[in-house]
């Protein structure tokens, strides 16, 4: 069954002086402020499209890796994944780096890295972002 998730943003003013609020409609988890300075300079308590992409990518990758490991008979005890999305004003998103550390009983480093690479390729968010360079660092805890 297909699902659709929704969010909306209300923006007021110009790019440089304006600001907006992104609201998570599907989950109802609330709203977060966004602005150009928080995107291109310091976050200052506000989110950005890149941070939202990082959240989506780290969670999707973790799900894909967990599923792949369990399917191979080595379910993880714990996966800690971060996603760093680099934004260059005037250019756009220039890359995403995933870092994962896993606790997987019975698995060696090489098998974990291979599973992480497969998850990176198979993760639906990775596939949606295929026009961006995505790199990966993976290790067992």
Protein backbone atom coordinates (compact mmCIF):
# COMPACT_ATOMS: atom_id res chain seq x y z
CA UNK A 1 0.00 0.00 0.00
CA UNK A 2 1.42 3.38 -0.99
CA UNK A 3 1.63 6.16 1.56
CA UNK A 4 1.91 9.90 1.15
CA UNK A 5 3.44 12.16 3.79
CA UNK A 6 2.90 15.90 3.78
CA UNK A 7 4.45 19.08 5.12
CA UNK A 8 3.92 22.69 4.22
CA UNK A 9 5.86 25.93 4.58
CA UNK A 10 4.58 29.45 4.97
CA UNK A 11 7.23 32.01 3.90
CA UNK A 12 6.96 35.74 4.45
CA UNK A 13 9.23 38.32 2.87
CA UNK A 14 12.23 38.18 0.58
CA UNK A 15 14.83 35.42 0.60
CA UNK A 16 17.45 37.36 2.53
CA UNK A 17 15.27 39.19 5.03
CA UNK A 18 12.26 36.89 5.21
CA UNK A 19 11.56 33.79 7.21
CA UNK A 20 9.21 30.86 7.21
CA UNK A 21 7.77 28.01 9.20
CA UNK A 22 7.69 24.42 8.02
CA UNK A 23 4.87 22.34 9.50
CA UNK A 24 4.86 18.54 9.60
CA UNK A 25 1.27 17.81 8.59
CA UNK A 26 1.25 14.01 8.42
CA UNK A 27 2.81 13.32 11.79
CA UNK A 28 1.55 16.38 13.60
CA UNK A 29 4.92 16.72 15.36
CA UNK A 30 4.83 20.47 15.07
CA UNK A 31 6.43 23.32 13.20
CA UNK A 32 9.97 24.58 12.83
CA UNK A 33 11.26 28.01 11.77
CA UNK A 34 13.44 28.38 8.66
CA UNK A 35 15.37 31.31 7.18
CA UNK A 36 18.10 31.99 4.67
CA UNK A 37 20.68 32.90 7.35
CA UNK A 38 19.92 29.65 9.20
CA UNK A 39 20.45 27.78 5.93
CA UNK A 40 23.55 29.49 4.60
CA UNK A 41 25.29 30.57 7.82
CA UNK A 42 24.57 29.50 11.42
CA UNK A 43 21.50 27.44 12.36
CA UNK A 44 20.61 29.68 15.35
CA UNK A 45 17.85 27.36 16.51
CA UNK A 46 16.21 27.06 13.09
CA UNK A 47 16.14 24.19 10.63
CA UNK A 48 16.94 24.09 6.91
CA UNK A 49 15.98 21.98 3.91
CA UNK A 50 19.38 20.28 4.22
CA UNK A 51 18.80 19.33 7.86
CA UNK A 52 15.41 17.90 6.92
CA UNK A 53 17.07 15.88 4.13
CA UNK A 54 19.71 14.69 6.62
CA UNK A 55 16.98 13.52 9.00
CA UNK A 56 15.16 11.70 6.22
CA UNK A 57 18.31 10.09 4.87
CA UNK A 58 19.73 8.93 8.21
CA UNK A 59 16.43 7.34 9.24
CA UNK A 60 15.78 5.69 5.86
CA UNK A 61 19.33 4.34 5.65
CA UNK A 62 19.08 2.93 9.20
CA UNK A 63 15.84 1.15 8.29
CA UNK A 64 17.33 -0.26 5.07
CA UNK A 65 20.49 -1.46 6.83
CA UNK A 66 18.54 -3.01 9.70
CA UNK A 67 16.31 -4.84 7.22
CA UNK A 68 19.27 -6.08 5.17
CA UNK A 69 21.17 -7.31 8.21
CA UNK A 70 18.13 -9.11 9.63
CA UNK A 71 17.44 -10.69 6.25
CA UNK A 72 21.00 -12.04 6.23
CA UNK A 73 20.48 -13.62 9.66
CA UNK A 74 22.48 -11.02 11.62
CA UNK A 75 20.00 -8.53 13.02
CA UNK A 76 21.61 -5.47 14.58
CA UNK A 77 21.41 -4.69 18.26
CA UNK A 78 21.92 -1.00 17.53
CA UNK A 79 22.68 1.28 14.57
CA UNK A 80 23.71 4.91 14.99
CA UNK A 81 23.60 6.82 11.71
CA UNK A 82 24.35 10.43 10.93
CA UNK A 83 23.91 12.21 7.62
CA UNK A 84 25.85 15.36 6.79
CA UNK A 85 24.33 17.31 3.91
CA UNK A 86 26.63 19.99 2.49
CA UNK A 87 25.03 23.11 1.02
CA UNK A 88 27.00 25.69 -0.95
CA UNK A 89 25.11 28.96 -1.56
CA UNK A 90 24.97 29.64 -5.27
CA UNK A 91 25.67 26.00 -6.11
CA UNK A 92 23.26 23.91 -4.04
CA UNK A 93 23.67 20.60 -2.28
CA UNK A 94 27.14 19.36 -3.10
CA UNK A 95 27.17 16.06 -1.24
CA UNK A 96 25.87 13.85 1.52
CA UNK A 97 28.03 11.80 3.85
CA UNK A 98 26.50 8.95 5.83
CA UNK A 99 28.30 7.66 8.91
CA UNK A 100 27.07 4.52 10.62
CA UNK A 101 28.31 2.61 13.64
CA UNK A 102 26.67 -0.71 14.36
CA UNK A 103 26.42 -3.31 17.05
CA UNK A 104 25.83 -6.54 15.15
CA UNK A 105 26.63 -9.80 16.97
CA UNK A 106 28.30 -12.40 14.77
CA UNK A 107 29.29 -10.01 11.95
CA UNK A 108 32.80 -8.92 10.96
CA UNK A 109 33.81 -5.46 9.73
CA UNK A 110 33.97 -6.40 6.04
CA UNK A 111 30.47 -7.89 6.07
CA UNK A 112 29.12 -4.85 7.92
CA UNK A 113 30.64 -2.44 5.40
CA UNK A 114 29.22 -4.52 2.53
CA UNK A 115 25.77 -4.48 4.12
CA UNK A 116 26.02 -0.72 4.68
CA UNK A 117 26.99 -0.14 1.03
CA UNK A 118 24.03 -2.24 -0.09
CA UNK A 119 21.71 -0.27 2.21
CA UNK A 120 23.07 3.01 0.83
CA UNK A 121 22.27 1.86 -2.71
CA UNK A 122 18.86 0.42 -1.82
CA UNK A 123 17.56 3.09 0.55
CA UNK A 124 14.64 4.91 -1.13
CA UNK A 125 15.94 8.30 0.02
CA UNK A 126 19.38 7.52 -1.48
CA UNK A 127 17.62 6.61 -4.71
CA UNK A 128 15.62 9.85 -4.66
CA UNK A 129 18.85 11.79 -4.18
CA UNK A 130 20.77 9.91 -6.87
CA UNK A 131 21.84 13.16 -8.54
CA UNK A 132 23.95 13.96 -5.46
CA UNK A 133 27.26 12.39 -4.48
CA UNK A 134 26.61 10.16 -1.46
CA UNK A 135 29.58 8.81 0.49
CA UNK A 136 29.65 6.38 3.42
CA UNK A 137 31.76 5.52 6.44
CA UNK A 138 30.74 2.33 8.27
CA UNK A 139 32.23 0.51 11.24
CA UNK A 140 31.26 -1.83 13.99
CA UNK A 141 31.21 -0.49 17.53
